[in-house]
Amino acid sequence: MNEKKHSAAAVVFAGALALAASGAVTGTAEAGVKCFGVAKAGENDCGNASGTHMCAGKAIKDYSGDEWKEMDAVKCVQMKGKLEPFNGINPDIKQ
């Protein structure tokens, strides 16, 4: 019986290690995602979703759903950005 408890504990521990390594338990985020709708005019990172320009700092509208800044996914969501491009101006950011 003791042996079963030890092996069950080992399985639980191994699972917890796997989750921690994946970032699910620690709350770490995927770094380097494109966060759309958070860049102010002239403050976007390189390129845009529609391909109309390929250079950083070329955004002409604040919070355009076509423009992005690179950041981790958690920060993007906290800033009310989107992980996919969208049409128009981000309605979730107070301007």
N, C-alpha and C. Protein backbone atom coordinates (compact mmCIF):
# COMPACT_ATOMS: atom_id res chain seq x y z
N MET A 1 0.81 -1.19 0.00
CA MET A 1 0.00 0.00 0.00
C MET A 1 0.86 1.26 0.00
N ASN A 2 1.90 1.26 0.79
CA ASN A 2 2.81 2.40 0.83
C ASN A 2 3.44 2.65 -0.53
N GLU A 3 3.77 1.56 -1.21
CA GLU A 3 4.39 1.65 -2.52
C GLU A 3 3.46 2.35 -3.51
N LYS A 4 2.15 2.08 -3.44
CA LYS A 4 1.19 2.72 -4.33
C LYS A 4 1.10 4.22 -4.05
N LYS A 5 1.15 4.60 -2.77
CA LYS A 5 1.09 6.01 -2.41
C LYS A 5 2.31 6.75 -2.95
N HIS A 6 3.47 6.12 -2.85
CA HIS A 6 4.70 6.74 -3.33
C HIS A 6 4.68 6.89 -4.83
N SER A 7 4.20 5.88 -5.55
CA SER A 7 4.19 5.99 -7.01
C SER A 7 3.14 7.01 -7.46
N ALA A 8 2.01 7.10 -6.76
CA ALA A 8 1.00 8.11 -7.10
C ALA A 8 1.55 9.51 -6.85
N ALA A 9 2.27 9.67 -5.75
CA ALA A 9 2.87 10.96 -5.45
C ALA A 9 3.91 11.32 -6.50
N ALA A 10 4.65 10.35 -6.97
CA ALA A 10 5.66 10.59 -8.00
C ALA A 10 5.00 11.04 -9.30
N VAL A 11 3.86 10.44 -9.65
CA VAL A 11 3.14 10.81 -10.86
C VAL A 11 2.62 12.25 -10.74
N VAL A 12 2.05 12.58 -9.59
CA VAL A 12 1.54 13.94 -9.37
C VAL A 12 2.69 14.95 -9.44
N PHE A 13 3.81 14.62 -8.81
CA PHE A 13 4.97 15.51 -8.82
C PHE A 13 5.49 15.71 -10.23
N ALA A 14 5.57 14.63 -11.00
CA ALA A 14 6.06 14.73 -12.38
C ALA A 14 5.11 15.58 -13.21
N GLY A 15 3.81 15.43 -12.99
CA GLY A 15 2.84 16.25 -13.72
C GLY A 15 2.98 17.72 -13.37
N ALA A 16 3.18 18.01 -12.09
CA ALA A 16 3.35 19.40 -11.66
C ALA A 16 4.61 20.01 -12.27
N LEU A 17 5.67 19.23 -12.34
CA LEU A 17 6.90 19.72 -12.98
C LEU A 17 6.67 20.03 -14.44
N ALA A 18 5.94 19.16 -15.13
CA ALA A 18 5.66 19.38 -16.55
C ALA A 18 4.83 20.65 -16.75
N LEU A 19 3.83 20.88 -15.90
CA LEU A 19 3.02 22.09 -16.00
C LEU A 19 3.86 23.33 -15.71
N ALA A 20 4.70 23.26 -14.70
CA ALA A 20 5.56 24.40 -14.37
C ALA A 20 6.50 24.72 -15.53
N ALA A 21 7.04 23.69 -16.14
CA ALA A 21 7.96 23.89 -17.26
C ALA A 21 7.24 24.53 -18.44
N SER A 22 5.96 24.23 -18.60
CA SER A 22 5.21 24.79 -19.72
C SER A 22 4.75 26.22 -19.44
N GLY A 23 4.84 26.68 -18.20
CA GLY A 23 4.43 28.03 -17.84
C GLY A 23 3.00 28.09 -17.33
N ALA A 24 2.27 26.98 -17.34
CA ALA A 24 0.86 27.00 -16.93
C ALA A 24 0.71 27.28 -15.44
N VAL A 25 1.61 26.81 -14.64
CA VAL A 25 1.50 27.02 -13.19
C VAL A 25 2.15 28.33 -12.78
N THR A 26 3.26 28.68 -13.37
CA THR A 26 4.01 29.85 -12.94
C THR A 26 3.43 31.15 -13.45
N GLY A 27 2.55 31.09 -14.45
CA GLY A 27 1.95 32.30 -14.98
C GLY A 27 2.84 33.01 -16.00
N THR A 28 3.90 32.38 -16.43
CA THR A 28 4.74 33.00 -17.44
C THR A 28 3.99 33.01 -18.76
N ALA A 29 4.36 33.92 -19.61
CA ALA A 29 3.63 34.10 -20.86
C ALA A 29 4.54 33.86 -22.05
N GLU A 30 3.90 33.58 -23.14
CA GLU A 30 4.65 33.42 -24.38
C GLU A 30 5.19 34.80 -24.76
N ALA A 31 6.49 34.91 -24.91
CA ALA A 31 7.09 36.19 -25.27
C ALA A 31 7.11 36.36 -26.77
N GLY A 32 7.10 37.59 -27.18
CA GLY A 32 7.28 37.89 -28.59
C GLY A 32 6.06 37.67 -29.47
N VAL A 33 4.85 37.86 -28.96
CA VAL A 33 3.67 37.77 -29.82
C VAL A 33 3.38 39.15 -30.39
N LYS A 34 2.69 39.18 -31.51
CA LYS A 34 2.25 40.44 -32.09
C LYS A 34 0.95 40.84 -31.40
N CYS A 35 0.97 41.99 -30.76
CA CYS A 35 -0.20 42.50 -30.05
C CYS A 35 -0.79 43.64 -30.89
N PHE A 36 -1.98 43.40 -31.42
CA PHE A 36 -2.62 44.35 -32.33
C PHE A 36 -3.52 45.32 -31.56
N GLY A 37 -3.56 46.56 -32.05
CA GLY A 37 -4.47 47.55 -31.50
C GLY A 37 -3.98 48.29 -30.28
N VAL A 38 -2.69 48.22 -29.97
CA VAL A 38 -2.16 48.92 -28.79
C VAL A 38 -1.12 49.99 -29.15
N ALA A 39 -0.68 50.02 -30.39
CA ALA A 39 0.36 50.97 -30.78
C ALA A 39 -0.23 52.33 -31.10
N LYS A 40 0.43 53.36 -30.62
CA LYS A 40 0.07 54.72 -31.01
C LYS A 40 0.72 55.02 -32.35
N ALA A 41 0.21 56.02 -33.04
CA ALA A 41 0.77 56.42 -34.33
C ALA A 41 2.28 56.65 -34.19
N GLY A 42 3.02 56.05 -35.08
CA GLY A 42 4.47 56.20 -35.08
C GLY A 42 5.21 55.34 -34.07
N GLU A 43 4.49 54.50 -33.29
CA GLU A 43 5.13 53.70 -32.25
C GLU A 43 4.96 52.20 -32.46
N ASN A 44 4.54 51.79 -33.65
CA ASN A 44 4.37 50.36 -33.94
C ASN A 44 5.72 49.69 -34.18
N ASP A 45 5.73 48.37 -34.06
CA ASP A 45 6.93 47.62 -34.43
C ASP A 45 6.86 47.34 -35.93
N CYS A 46 7.88 46.73 -36.47
CA CYS A 46 8.04 46.60 -37.91
C CYS A 46 6.85 45.92 -38.60
N GLY A 47 6.39 46.53 -39.68
CA GLY A 47 5.34 45.94 -40.52
C GLY A 47 3.95 46.11 -39.98
N ASN A 48 2.98 45.71 -40.78
CA ASN A 48 1.59 45.68 -40.33
C ASN A 48 0.88 44.50 -40.99
N ALA A 49 -0.32 44.20 -40.54
CA ALA A 49 -1.02 43.00 -41.00
C ALA A 49 -1.42 43.09 -42.46
N SER A 50 -1.72 44.27 -42.95
CA SER A 50 -2.19 44.39 -44.34
C SER A 50 -1.05 44.49 -45.33
N GLY A 51 0.18 44.65 -44.84
CA GLY A 51 1.34 44.71 -45.73
C GLY A 51 1.51 46.05 -46.43
N THR A 52 0.87 47.11 -45.93
CA THR A 52 1.00 48.41 -46.58
C THR A 52 2.33 49.09 -46.27
N HIS A 53 3.02 48.64 -45.22
CA HIS A 53 4.37 49.12 -44.94
C HIS A 53 5.12 48.03 -44.19
N MET A 54 6.43 48.11 -44.23
CA MET A 54 7.25 47.09 -43.58
C MET A 54 8.24 47.69 -42.59
N CYS A 55 7.97 48.91 -42.12
CA CYS A 55 8.92 49.55 -41.22
C CYS A 55 8.29 49.97 -39.91
N ALA A 56 9.08 49.88 -38.86
CA ALA A 56 8.63 50.34 -37.54
C ALA A 56 8.38 51.83 -37.58
N GLY A 57 7.41 52.27 -36.78
CA GLY A 57 7.14 53.70 -36.66
C GLY A 57 6.33 54.27 -37.81
N LYS A 58 5.74 53.44 -38.64
CA LYS A 58 4.98 53.94 -39.79
C LYS A 58 3.47 53.97 -39.57
N ALA A 59 2.99 53.58 -38.39
CA ALA A 59 1.55 53.62 -38.12
C ALA A 59 1.08 55.06 -38.18
N ILE A 60 -0.07 55.30 -38.82
CA ILE A 60 -0.58 56.66 -38.94
C ILE A 60 -1.78 56.93 -38.03
N LYS A 61 -2.33 55.87 -37.40
CA LYS A 61 -3.48 56.02 -36.51
C LYS A 61 -3.17 55.35 -35.17
N ASP A 62 -3.63 55.95 -34.09
CA ASP A 62 -3.50 55.34 -32.77
C ASP A 62 -4.39 54.11 -32.68
N TYR A 63 -3.87 53.05 -32.11
CA TYR A 63 -4.60 51.82 -31.75
C TYR A 63 -5.27 51.12 -32.93
N SER A 64 -4.66 51.19 -34.09
CA SER A 64 -5.19 50.52 -35.28
C SER A 64 -5.11 49.00 -35.11
N GLY A 65 -6.15 48.32 -35.51
CA GLY A 65 -6.18 46.86 -35.43
C GLY A 65 -5.26 46.19 -36.43
N ASP A 66 -4.69 46.97 -37.32
CA ASP A 66 -3.77 46.48 -38.34
C ASP A 66 -2.31 46.58 -37.88
N GLU A 67 -2.05 47.41 -36.89
CA GLU A 67 -0.69 47.66 -36.40
C GLU A 67 -0.44 46.88 -35.12
N TRP A 68 0.85 46.53 -34.89
CA TRP A 68 1.17 45.71 -33.72
C TRP A 68 2.45 46.17 -33.04
N LYS A 69 2.56 45.77 -31.78
CA LYS A 69 3.79 45.89 -31.01
C LYS A 69 4.09 44.50 -30.48
N GLU A 70 5.35 44.15 -30.41
CA GLU A 70 5.74 42.84 -29.90
C GLU A 70 5.84 42.90 -28.38
N MET A 71 5.21 41.91 -27.73
CA MET A 71 5.24 41.83 -26.26
C MET A 71 4.77 40.44 -25.87
N ASP A 72 4.76 40.14 -24.57
CA ASP A 72 4.24 38.83 -24.16
C ASP A 72 2.72 38.87 -24.17
N ALA A 73 2.11 37.72 -24.31
CA ALA A 73 0.66 37.61 -24.49
C ALA A 73 -0.13 38.13 -23.30
N VAL A 74 0.36 37.92 -22.09
CA VAL A 74 -0.35 38.39 -20.89
C VAL A 74 -0.40 39.92 -20.89
N LYS A 75 0.71 40.55 -21.17
CA LYS A 75 0.74 42.02 -21.21
C LYS A 75 -0.19 42.54 -22.29
N CYS A 76 -0.23 41.88 -23.43
CA CYS A 76 -1.12 42.27 -24.52
C CYS A 76 -2.57 42.28 -24.06
N VAL A 77 -2.99 41.21 -23.43
CA VAL A 77 -4.38 41.10 -22.96
C VAL A 77 -4.65 42.14 -21.88
N GLN A 78 -3.68 42.37 -20.99
CA GLN A 78 -3.85 43.37 -19.94
C GLN A 78 -4.03 44.77 -20.52
N MET A 79 -3.37 45.03 -21.64
CA MET A 79 -3.47 46.34 -22.29
C MET A 79 -4.70 46.43 -23.19
N LYS A 80 -5.50 45.37 -23.23
CA LYS A 80 -6.72 45.28 -24.05
C LYS A 80 -6.41 45.17 -25.54
N GLY A 81 -5.22 44.63 -25.85
CA GLY A 81 -4.87 44.37 -27.24
C GLY A 81 -5.44 43.03 -27.69
N LYS A 82 -5.25 42.74 -28.95
CA LYS A 82 -5.74 41.49 -29.55
C LYS A 82 -4.54 40.71 -30.11
N LEU A 83 -4.64 39.40 -30.10
CA LEU A 83 -3.55 38.56 -30.61
C LEU A 83 -3.70 38.28 -32.11
N GLU A 84 -4.76 38.78 -32.71
CA GLU A 84 -5.00 38.66 -34.15
C GLU A 84 -5.35 40.05 -34.68
N PRO A 85 -4.98 40.36 -35.93
CA PRO A 85 -5.35 41.66 -36.49
C PRO A 85 -6.87 41.78 -36.63
N PHE A 86 -7.34 43.01 -36.63
CA PHE A 86 -8.77 43.28 -36.78
C PHE A 86 -8.95 44.60 -37.52
N ASN A 87 -10.12 44.83 -38.04
CA ASN A 87 -10.42 46.06 -38.78
C ASN A 87 -10.75 47.19 -37.82
N GLY A 88 -10.32 48.38 -38.17
CA GLY A 88 -10.68 49.56 -37.41
C GLY A 88 -9.74 49.86 -36.26
N ILE A 89 -10.25 50.69 -35.36
CA ILE A 89 -9.50 51.16 -34.19
C ILE A 89 -9.98 50.35 -32.98
N ASN A 90 -9.06 50.03 -32.08
CA ASN A 90 -9.39 49.24 -30.90
C ASN A 90 -10.41 49.98 -30.03
N PRO A 91 -11.63 49.46 -29.94
CA PRO A 91 -12.66 50.15 -29.16
C PRO A 91 -12.49 49.97 -27.64
N ASP A 92 -11.62 49.04 -27.24
CA ASP A 92 -11.44 48.74 -25.81
C ASP A 92 -10.44 49.66 -25.11
N ILE A 93 -9.75 50.50 -25.87
CA ILE A 93 -8.77 51.42 -25.29
C ILE A 93 -9.39 52.80 -25.28
N LYS A 94 -9.40 53.43 -24.09
CA LYS A 94 -9.94 54.79 -23.98
C LYS A 94 -8.96 55.75 -24.61
N GLN A 95 -9.47 56.56 -25.49
CA GLN A 95 -8.60 57.49 -26.23
C GLN A 95 -8.75 58.90 -25.75
